[in-house]
Amino acid sequence: MKLKERRGVLLSAIGVTEEGKRAVLEIILSREEDATGYWRLLVEVWKKHSFILIVAS
């Protein structure tokens, strides 16, 4: 993704509802794909949702 002469990445968290449907939990824009960006994503998800298991790939 190009951002006015800079680059960035969209990081997303996707979950599964109790009915088995996929749902986007959070999307954030980060300057690069790094541990800080993913940590920020997880914090935002944690603020809004409760979860039991996280699988990252």
C-alpha atoms as a PDB file:
ATOM      1  CA  MET A   1       0.000   0.000   0.000  1.00  0.00           C
ATOM      2  CA  LYS A   2       1.428   3.384  -0.905  1.00  0.00           C
ATOM      3  CA  LEU A   3       0.886   6.318   1.431  1.00  0.00           C
ATOM      4  CA  LYS A   4       1.996   9.688   0.047  1.00  0.00           C
ATOM      5  CA  GLU A   5       5.560   8.660  -0.762  1.00  0.00           C
ATOM      6  CA  ARG A   6       5.714   6.183   2.125  1.00  0.00           C
ATOM      7  CA  ARG A   7       4.767   2.562   2.396  1.00  0.00           C
ATOM      8  CA  GLY A   8       2.677   0.805   4.978  1.00  0.00           C
ATOM      9  CA  VAL A   9       0.929  -2.463   5.685  1.00  0.00           C
ATOM     10  CA  LEU A  10      -2.561  -3.326   6.812  1.00  0.00           C
ATOM     11  CA  LEU A  11      -2.550  -5.807   9.680  1.00  0.00           C
ATOM     12  CA  SER A  12      -5.807  -7.601  10.352  1.00  0.00           C
ATOM     13  CA  ALA A  13      -7.202  -9.901  13.021  1.00  0.00           C
ATOM     14  CA  ILE A  14      -9.896 -12.332  11.942  1.00  0.00           C
ATOM     15  CA  GLY A  15     -11.945 -14.427  14.338  1.00  0.00           C
ATOM     16  CA  VAL A  16     -14.610 -17.120  14.204  1.00  0.00           C
ATOM     17  CA  THR A  17     -17.977 -16.574  15.852  1.00  0.00           C
ATOM     18  CA  GLU A  18     -19.798 -19.192  17.917  1.00  0.00           C
ATOM     19  CA  GLU A  19     -21.894 -19.851  14.800  1.00  0.00           C
ATOM     20  CA  GLY A  20     -18.726 -20.697  12.834  1.00  0.00           C
ATOM     21  CA  LYS A  21     -18.706 -17.537  10.704  1.00  0.00           C
ATOM     22  CA  ARG A  22     -15.541 -15.537  10.098  1.00  0.00           C
ATOM     23  CA  ALA A  23     -15.469 -11.955  11.360  1.00  0.00           C
ATOM     24  CA  VAL A  24     -12.933  -9.151  11.060  1.00  0.00           C
ATOM     25  CA  LEU A  25     -12.050  -8.146  14.608  1.00  0.00           C
ATOM     26  CA  GLU A  26      -9.645  -5.296  13.894  1.00  0.00           C
ATOM     27  CA  ILE A  27      -7.601  -3.719  11.104  1.00  0.00           C
ATOM     28  CA  ILE A  28      -4.723  -1.327  11.714  1.00  0.00           C
ATOM     29  CA  LEU A  29      -2.310   0.529   9.469  1.00  0.00           C
ATOM     30  CA  SER A  30       1.350   0.105  10.385  1.00  0.00           C
ATOM     31  CA  ARG A  31       4.528   1.483   8.839  1.00  0.00           C
ATOM     32  CA  GLU A  32       6.016  -1.995   8.580  1.00  0.00           C
ATOM     33  CA  GLU A  33       5.241  -5.603   9.374  1.00  0.00           C
ATOM     34  CA  ASP A  34       7.057  -5.978  12.681  1.00  0.00           C
ATOM     35  CA  ALA A  35       6.555  -7.153  16.248  1.00  0.00           C
ATOM     36  CA  THR A  36       5.458  -3.688  17.389  1.00  0.00           C
ATOM     37  CA  GLY A  37       2.707  -3.539  14.778  1.00  0.00           C
ATOM     38  CA  TYR A  38       1.408  -6.978  15.652  1.00  0.00           C
ATOM     39  CA  TRP A  39       1.531  -6.179  19.369  1.00  0.00           C
ATOM     40  CA  ARG A  40      -0.512  -3.033  18.745  1.00  0.00           C
ATOM     41  CA  LEU A  41      -3.022  -5.090  16.745  1.00  0.00           C
ATOM     42  CA  LEU A  42      -3.400  -7.627  19.562  1.00  0.00           C
ATOM     43  CA  VAL A  43      -3.854  -4.877  22.157  1.00  0.00           C
ATOM     44  CA  GLU A  44      -6.636  -3.309  20.080  1.00  0.00           C
ATOM     45  CA  VAL A  45      -8.366  -6.687  19.690  1.00  0.00           C
ATOM     46  CA  TRP A  46      -7.995  -7.391  23.419  1.00  0.00           C
ATOM     47  CA  LYS A  47      -9.643  -4.038  24.270  1.00  0.00           C
ATOM     48  CA  LYS A  48     -12.770  -4.901  22.245  1.00  0.00           C
ATOM     49  CA  HIS A  49     -13.135  -8.691  22.372  1.00  0.00           C
ATOM     50  CA  SER A  50     -12.575 -11.630  24.674  1.00  0.00           C
ATOM     51  CA  PHE A  51     -10.811 -14.606  23.158  1.00  0.00           C
ATOM     52  CA  ILE A  52      -9.578 -18.040  24.141  1.00  0.00           C
ATOM     53  CA  LEU A  53      -7.013 -18.910  21.488  1.00  0.00           C
ATOM     54  CA  ILE A  54      -4.751 -16.963  19.129  1.00  0.00           C
ATOM     55  CA  VAL A  55      -3.258 -18.536  16.009  1.00  0.00           C
ATOM     56  CA  ALA A  56      -0.785 -16.440  14.049  1.00  0.00           C
ATOM     57  CA  SER A  57       0.510 -17.192  10.573  1.00  0.00           C
END
